Amino acid sequence: MVRLNYPSKLGRVFVQLRDFDMLEYESTIISPKYKERAIKLNKFRYLNVYLLSPEDIIVSKIIRLEQKDIEDIDELIEIADKELINQIIDEVLLRDDLYESKKNQFIKRLPQFKERYYV
């Protein structure tokens, strides 16, 4: 889940979502257009919870490329659209609100990712 200026009273709700990651947008490798591709999780009656698309998840993992990230990408890449992955990478690189250190680390890992997955 991406944190987008939610009210503090939602903290009680987030306790119920403790198995989900809560991320700060400015430090997260994610495209500004992720909402257009998000998939609604119909598990909750009064909450709207969305999952990132496989392509957005893949791109978000490029910054680390640790073994667990590679394992996740290995599975997701089979159902992912590689053209869309490249589009999302470009969208992330165009962000001016992303922490510079995060963007630099992302750029550093891109060649390794592209070579491994032929993207």
N, C-alpha and C. Protein backbone atom coordinates (compact mmCIF):
# COMPACT_ATOMS: atom_id res chain seq x y z
N MET A 1 0.85 -1.16 0.00
CA MET A 1 0.00 0.00 0.00
C MET A 1 0.90 1.23 0.00
N VAL A 2 0.53 2.22 -0.71
CA VAL A 2 1.28 3.47 -0.77
C VAL A 2 0.59 4.49 0.12
N ARG A 3 1.34 5.15 0.98
CA ARG A 3 0.79 6.14 1.90
C ARG A 3 0.59 7.46 1.15
N LEU A 4 -0.63 7.94 1.11
CA LEU A 4 -0.95 9.17 0.40
C LEU A 4 -1.73 10.12 1.31
N ASN A 5 -1.07 10.66 2.32
CA ASN A 5 -1.65 11.66 3.22
C ASN A 5 -2.98 11.20 3.83
N TYR A 6 -2.99 10.03 4.43
CA TYR A 6 -4.21 9.53 5.05
C TYR A 6 -4.38 10.14 6.45
N PRO A 7 -5.62 10.29 6.91
CA PRO A 7 -5.87 10.81 8.26
C PRO A 7 -5.39 9.82 9.33
N SER A 8 -4.97 10.33 10.48
CA SER A 8 -4.43 9.48 11.55
C SER A 8 -5.45 8.46 12.07
N LYS A 9 -6.74 8.78 11.99
CA LYS A 9 -7.74 7.83 12.49
C LYS A 9 -7.75 6.52 11.69
N LEU A 10 -7.13 6.53 10.52
CA LEU A 10 -7.07 5.29 9.73
C LEU A 10 -6.02 4.33 10.28
N GLY A 11 -5.26 4.77 11.28
CA GLY A 11 -4.28 3.87 11.90
C GLY A 11 -4.89 2.58 12.38
N ARG A 12 -6.11 2.66 12.91
CA ARG A 12 -6.80 1.44 13.36
C ARG A 12 -7.08 0.50 12.20
N VAL A 13 -7.35 1.07 11.05
CA VAL A 13 -7.59 0.26 9.86
C VAL A 13 -6.29 -0.41 9.43
N PHE A 14 -5.20 0.36 9.48
CA PHE A 14 -3.92 -0.19 9.04
C PHE A 14 -3.44 -1.35 9.90
N VAL A 15 -3.89 -1.39 11.15
CA VAL A 15 -3.57 -2.53 12.01
C VAL A 15 -4.11 -3.80 11.36
N GLN A 16 -5.29 -3.70 10.76
CA GLN A 16 -5.89 -4.84 10.10
C GLN A 16 -5.13 -5.23 8.83
N LEU A 17 -4.39 -4.28 8.31
CA LEU A 17 -3.63 -4.51 7.07
C LEU A 17 -2.14 -4.72 7.35
N ARG A 18 -1.81 -5.18 8.54
CA ARG A 18 -0.41 -5.26 8.96
C ARG A 18 0.45 -6.14 8.06
N ASP A 19 -0.14 -7.04 7.33
CA ASP A 19 0.64 -7.90 6.43
C ASP A 19 1.00 -7.20 5.12
N PHE A 20 0.46 -6.01 4.93
CA PHE A 20 0.73 -5.25 3.71
C PHE A 20 1.81 -4.21 4.00
N ASP A 21 2.62 -3.88 2.99
CA ASP A 21 3.64 -2.86 3.14
C ASP A 21 3.03 -1.47 3.04
N MET A 22 3.46 -0.59 3.91
CA MET A 22 3.06 0.82 3.86
C MET A 22 4.29 1.60 3.42
N LEU A 23 4.18 2.32 2.35
CA LEU A 23 5.33 3.00 1.78
C LEU A 23 5.11 4.49 1.64
N GLU A 24 6.20 5.23 1.72
CA GLU A 24 6.16 6.66 1.49
C GLU A 24 6.43 6.91 0.00
N TYR A 25 5.56 7.63 -0.65
CA TYR A 25 5.63 7.80 -2.10
C TYR A 25 6.97 8.36 -2.56
N GLU A 26 7.48 9.38 -1.89
CA GLU A 26 8.72 10.04 -2.35
C GLU A 26 9.95 9.15 -2.27
N SER A 27 9.88 8.08 -1.51
CA SER A 27 11.03 7.19 -1.40
C SER A 27 10.78 5.85 -2.08
N THR A 28 9.69 5.75 -2.81
CA THR A 28 9.30 4.48 -3.43
C THR A 28 9.44 4.56 -4.95
N ILE A 29 10.07 3.55 -5.49
CA ILE A 29 10.23 3.47 -6.95
C ILE A 29 8.90 2.99 -7.53
N ILE A 30 8.09 3.97 -7.87
CA ILE A 30 6.77 3.68 -8.41
C ILE A 30 6.40 4.81 -9.38
N SER A 31 5.70 4.45 -10.41
CA SER A 31 5.27 5.42 -11.41
C SER A 31 4.13 6.27 -10.87
N PRO A 32 4.07 7.54 -11.28
CA PRO A 32 2.93 8.37 -10.88
C PRO A 32 1.60 7.83 -11.44
N LYS A 33 1.67 6.97 -12.43
CA LYS A 33 0.46 6.45 -13.07
C LYS A 33 0.07 5.06 -12.55
N TYR A 34 0.63 4.66 -11.41
CA TYR A 34 0.36 3.32 -10.90
C TYR A 34 -1.13 3.08 -10.64
N LYS A 35 -1.86 4.13 -10.28
CA LYS A 35 -3.29 3.96 -9.96
C LYS A 35 -4.08 3.48 -11.18
N GLU A 36 -3.65 3.88 -12.36
CA GLU A 36 -4.35 3.47 -13.59
C GLU A 36 -4.26 1.96 -13.81
N ARG A 37 -3.22 1.34 -13.26
CA ARG A 37 -3.00 -0.09 -13.47
C ARG A 37 -3.31 -0.93 -12.24
N ALA A 38 -3.61 -0.29 -11.12
CA ALA A 38 -3.85 -1.00 -9.87
C ALA A 38 -5.06 -1.92 -9.98
N ILE A 39 -5.00 -3.02 -9.25
CA ILE A 39 -6.04 -4.04 -9.29
C ILE A 39 -6.77 -4.02 -7.94
N LYS A 40 -8.08 -3.85 -7.97
CA LYS A 40 -8.86 -3.77 -6.73
C LYS A 40 -8.97 -5.15 -6.08
N LEU A 41 -8.71 -5.17 -4.78
CA LEU A 41 -8.85 -6.37 -3.98
C LEU A 41 -10.24 -6.32 -3.35
N ASN A 42 -11.10 -7.25 -3.73
CA ASN A 42 -12.49 -7.23 -3.28
C ASN A 42 -12.71 -7.98 -1.98
N LYS A 43 -11.69 -8.06 -1.16
CA LYS A 43 -11.76 -8.79 0.09
C LYS A 43 -12.47 -8.02 1.20
N PHE A 44 -12.49 -6.70 1.09
CA PHE A 44 -13.04 -5.87 2.16
C PHE A 44 -14.36 -5.25 1.73
N ARG A 45 -15.24 -5.10 2.69
CA ARG A 45 -16.56 -4.55 2.40
C ARG A 45 -16.56 -3.03 2.37
N TYR A 46 -15.86 -2.40 3.31
CA TYR A 46 -15.92 -0.95 3.43
C TYR A 46 -14.59 -0.26 3.10
N LEU A 47 -13.60 -1.01 2.74
CA LEU A 47 -12.31 -0.45 2.37
C LEU A 47 -12.04 -0.70 0.89
N ASN A 48 -11.42 0.25 0.27
CA ASN A 48 -10.96 0.05 -1.10
C ASN A 48 -9.46 -0.18 -1.04
N VAL A 49 -9.05 -1.42 -1.29
CA VAL A 49 -7.65 -1.80 -1.25
C VAL A 49 -7.26 -2.24 -2.66
N TYR A 50 -6.15 -1.72 -3.12
CA TYR A 50 -5.68 -2.02 -4.47
C TYR A 50 -4.29 -2.63 -4.41
N LEU A 51 -4.02 -3.53 -5.35
CA LEU A 51 -2.70 -4.12 -5.51
C LEU A 51 -2.04 -3.49 -6.72
N LEU A 52 -0.73 -3.33 -6.63
CA LEU A 52 0.00 -2.84 -7.80
C LEU A 52 -0.06 -3.89 -8.91
N SER A 53 0.02 -3.42 -10.14
CA SER A 53 0.07 -4.34 -11.28
C SER A 53 1.38 -5.13 -11.21
N PRO A 54 1.45 -6.29 -11.85
CA PRO A 54 2.71 -7.05 -11.87
C PRO A 54 3.88 -6.21 -12.39
N GLU A 55 3.62 -5.40 -13.41
CA GLU A 55 4.68 -4.58 -13.99
C GLU A 55 5.17 -3.51 -13.00
N ASP A 56 4.24 -2.90 -12.26
CA ASP A 56 4.64 -1.91 -11.26
C ASP A 56 5.43 -2.57 -10.12
N ILE A 57 5.04 -3.77 -9.73
CA ILE A 57 5.77 -4.49 -8.69
C ILE A 57 7.19 -4.79 -9.17
N ILE A 58 7.30 -5.27 -10.39
CA ILE A 58 8.62 -5.58 -10.95
C ILE A 58 9.51 -4.35 -10.92
N VAL A 59 9.01 -3.24 -11.43
CA VAL A 59 9.83 -2.02 -11.48
C VAL A 59 10.21 -1.57 -10.07
N SER A 60 9.31 -1.72 -9.12
CA SER A 60 9.61 -1.28 -7.75
C SER A 60 10.74 -2.12 -7.13
N LYS A 61 10.96 -3.32 -7.63
CA LYS A 61 11.98 -4.20 -7.08
C LYS A 61 13.35 -4.01 -7.72
N ILE A 62 13.43 -3.27 -8.79
CA ILE A 62 14.71 -3.07 -9.48
C ILE A 62 15.73 -2.39 -8.59
N ILE A 63 15.30 -1.51 -7.73
CA ILE A 63 16.23 -0.73 -6.91
C ILE A 63 17.12 -1.61 -6.02
N ARG A 64 16.61 -2.78 -5.61
CA ARG A 64 17.41 -3.64 -4.72
C ARG A 64 18.00 -4.83 -5.46
N LEU A 65 17.17 -5.54 -6.19
CA LEU A 65 17.56 -6.77 -6.88
C LEU A 65 18.27 -7.76 -5.96
N GLU A 66 17.79 -7.86 -4.72
CA GLU A 66 18.29 -8.89 -3.82
C GLU A 66 17.65 -10.22 -4.22
N GLN A 67 18.12 -11.30 -3.64
CA GLN A 67 17.67 -12.62 -4.03
C GLN A 67 16.15 -12.76 -3.97
N LYS A 68 15.52 -12.26 -2.90
CA LYS A 68 14.06 -12.38 -2.79
C LYS A 68 13.36 -11.55 -3.86
N ASP A 69 13.96 -10.41 -4.25
CA ASP A 69 13.38 -9.59 -5.32
C ASP A 69 13.50 -10.31 -6.65
N ILE A 70 14.64 -10.91 -6.88
CA ILE A 70 14.86 -11.65 -8.13
C ILE A 70 13.89 -12.83 -8.23
N GLU A 71 13.66 -13.51 -7.12
CA GLU A 71 12.70 -14.63 -7.12
C GLU A 71 11.30 -14.14 -7.46
N ASP A 72 10.91 -13.00 -6.88
CA ASP A 72 9.59 -12.43 -7.19
C ASP A 72 9.51 -12.03 -8.66
N ILE A 73 10.55 -11.37 -9.14
CA ILE A 73 10.55 -10.93 -10.54
C ILE A 73 10.52 -12.13 -11.47
N ASP A 74 11.28 -13.17 -11.15
CA ASP A 74 11.30 -14.38 -11.99
C ASP A 74 9.89 -14.92 -12.20
N GLU A 75 9.06 -14.88 -11.16
CA GLU A 75 7.68 -15.36 -11.29
C GLU A 75 6.80 -14.37 -12.04
N LEU A 76 6.92 -13.09 -11.70
CA LEU A 76 6.05 -12.08 -12.29
C LEU A 76 6.36 -11.80 -13.76
N ILE A 77 7.61 -11.95 -14.15
CA ILE A 77 8.01 -11.60 -15.52
C ILE A 77 7.29 -12.47 -16.55
N GLU A 78 6.88 -13.66 -16.12
CA GLU A 78 6.18 -14.59 -17.03
C GLU A 78 4.81 -14.06 -17.46
N ILE A 79 4.18 -13.25 -16.61
CA ILE A 79 2.85 -12.72 -16.94
C ILE A 79 2.89 -11.23 -17.26
N ALA A 80 4.07 -10.65 -17.22
CA ALA A 80 4.20 -9.20 -17.38
C ALA A 80 4.38 -8.80 -18.84
N ASP A 81 4.00 -7.57 -19.12
CA ASP A 81 4.17 -6.96 -20.43
C ASP A 81 5.47 -6.16 -20.40
N LYS A 82 6.48 -6.63 -21.15
CA LYS A 82 7.80 -5.99 -21.11
C LYS A 82 7.78 -4.57 -21.67
N GLU A 83 6.94 -4.32 -22.64
CA GLU A 83 6.82 -2.94 -23.15
C GLU A 83 6.28 -2.02 -22.06
N LEU A 84 5.32 -2.51 -21.30
CA LEU A 84 4.77 -1.73 -20.19
C LEU A 84 5.83 -1.51 -19.11
N ILE A 85 6.65 -2.51 -18.86
CA ILE A 85 7.73 -2.36 -17.88
C ILE A 85 8.64 -1.21 -18.30
N ASN A 86 9.01 -1.17 -19.57
CA ASN A 86 9.87 -0.08 -20.06
C ASN A 86 9.18 1.28 -19.93
N GLN A 87 7.91 1.31 -20.19
CA GLN A 87 7.14 2.56 -20.05
C GLN A 87 7.15 3.02 -18.59
N ILE A 88 6.95 2.09 -17.68
CA ILE A 88 6.94 2.43 -16.25
C ILE A 88 8.31 2.89 -15.81
N ILE A 89 9.36 2.24 -16.29
CA ILE A 89 10.73 2.68 -15.97
C ILE A 89 10.91 4.13 -16.39
N ASP A 90 10.47 4.46 -17.61
CA ASP A 90 10.58 5.85 -18.09
C ASP A 90 9.79 6.81 -17.21
N GLU A 91 8.60 6.40 -16.79
CA GLU A 91 7.77 7.25 -15.92
C GLU A 91 8.47 7.51 -14.59
N VAL A 92 9.10 6.48 -14.04
CA VAL A 92 9.82 6.63 -12.77
C VAL A 92 11.00 7.59 -12.96
N LEU A 93 11.73 7.42 -14.05
CA LEU A 93 12.91 8.26 -14.29
C LEU A 93 12.54 9.73 -14.49
N LEU A 94 11.31 10.00 -14.92
CA LEU A 94 10.85 11.38 -15.12
C LEU A 94 10.35 12.04 -13.84
N ARG A 95 10.21 11.27 -12.78
CA ARG A 95 9.70 11.84 -11.52
C ARG A 95 10.69 12.86 -10.96
N ASP A 96 10.19 14.02 -10.61
CA ASP A 96 11.03 15.03 -9.97
C ASP A 96 10.81 15.08 -8.46
N ASP A 97 9.89 14.25 -7.96
CA ASP A 97 9.61 14.23 -6.52
C ASP A 97 10.19 12.98 -5.84
N LEU A 98 10.97 12.21 -6.57
CA LEU A 98 11.60 11.02 -6.03
C LEU A 98 12.94 11.42 -5.40
N TYR A 99 13.21 10.89 -4.22
CA TYR A 99 14.49 11.20 -3.58
C TYR A 99 15.64 10.86 -4.53
N GLU A 100 16.57 11.78 -4.66
CA GLU A 100 17.67 11.63 -5.62
C GLU A 100 18.48 10.36 -5.34
N SER A 101 18.72 10.04 -4.09
CA SER A 101 19.49 8.84 -3.75
C SER A 101 18.79 7.58 -4.24
N LYS A 102 17.45 7.57 -4.13
CA LYS A 102 16.67 6.42 -4.61
C LYS A 102 16.74 6.32 -6.13
N LYS A 103 16.59 7.47 -6.79
CA LYS A 103 16.65 7.47 -8.25
C LYS A 103 18.03 6.99 -8.73
N ASN A 104 19.10 7.43 -8.08
CA ASN A 104 20.45 7.03 -8.47
C ASN A 104 20.66 5.52 -8.29
N GLN A 105 20.16 4.98 -7.19
CA GLN A 105 20.28 3.54 -6.96
C GLN A 105 19.49 2.76 -8.01
N PHE A 106 18.33 3.25 -8.35
CA PHE A 106 17.49 2.63 -9.39
C PHE A 106 18.24 2.62 -10.72
N ILE A 107 18.80 3.75 -11.10
CA ILE A 107 19.54 3.87 -12.35
C ILE A 107 20.74 2.91 -12.36
N LYS A 108 21.39 2.78 -11.22
CA LYS A 108 22.55 1.89 -11.10
C LYS A 108 22.17 0.43 -11.35
N ARG A 109 20.98 0.02 -10.91
CA ARG A 109 20.55 -1.38 -11.04
C ARG A 109 19.90 -1.69 -12.40
N LEU A 110 19.48 -0.66 -13.12
CA LEU A 110 18.77 -0.89 -14.38
C LEU A 110 19.52 -1.79 -15.37
N PRO A 111 20.81 -1.57 -15.64
CA PRO A 111 21.49 -2.43 -16.61
C PRO A 111 21.46 -3.91 -16.23
N GLN A 112 21.65 -4.19 -14.96
CA GLN A 112 21.61 -5.58 -14.48
C GLN A 112 20.22 -6.18 -14.72
N PHE A 113 19.19 -5.42 -14.40
CA PHE A 113 17.82 -5.89 -14.61
C PHE A 113 17.55 -6.14 -16.09
N LYS A 114 17.89 -5.17 -16.93
CA LYS A 114 17.60 -5.27 -18.36
C LYS A 114 18.33 -6.43 -19.01
N GLU A 115 19.56 -6.66 -18.56
CA GLU A 115 20.34 -7.77 -19.12
C GLU A 115 19.75 -9.13 -18.69
N ARG A 116 19.38 -9.24 -17.44
CA ARG A 116 18.87 -10.52 -16.93
C ARG A 116 17.52 -10.88 -17.56
N TYR A 117 16.66 -9.88 -17.76
CA TYR A 117 15.28 -10.16 -18.20
C TYR A 117 15.00 -9.75 -19.64
N TYR A 118 16.02 -9.35 -20.36
CA TYR A 118 15.87 -8.97 -21.78
C TYR A 118 14.78 -7.93 -21.96
N VAL A 119 14.81 -6.92 -21.11
CA VAL A 119 13.81 -5.84 -21.18
C VAL A 119 14.44 -4.64 -21.85
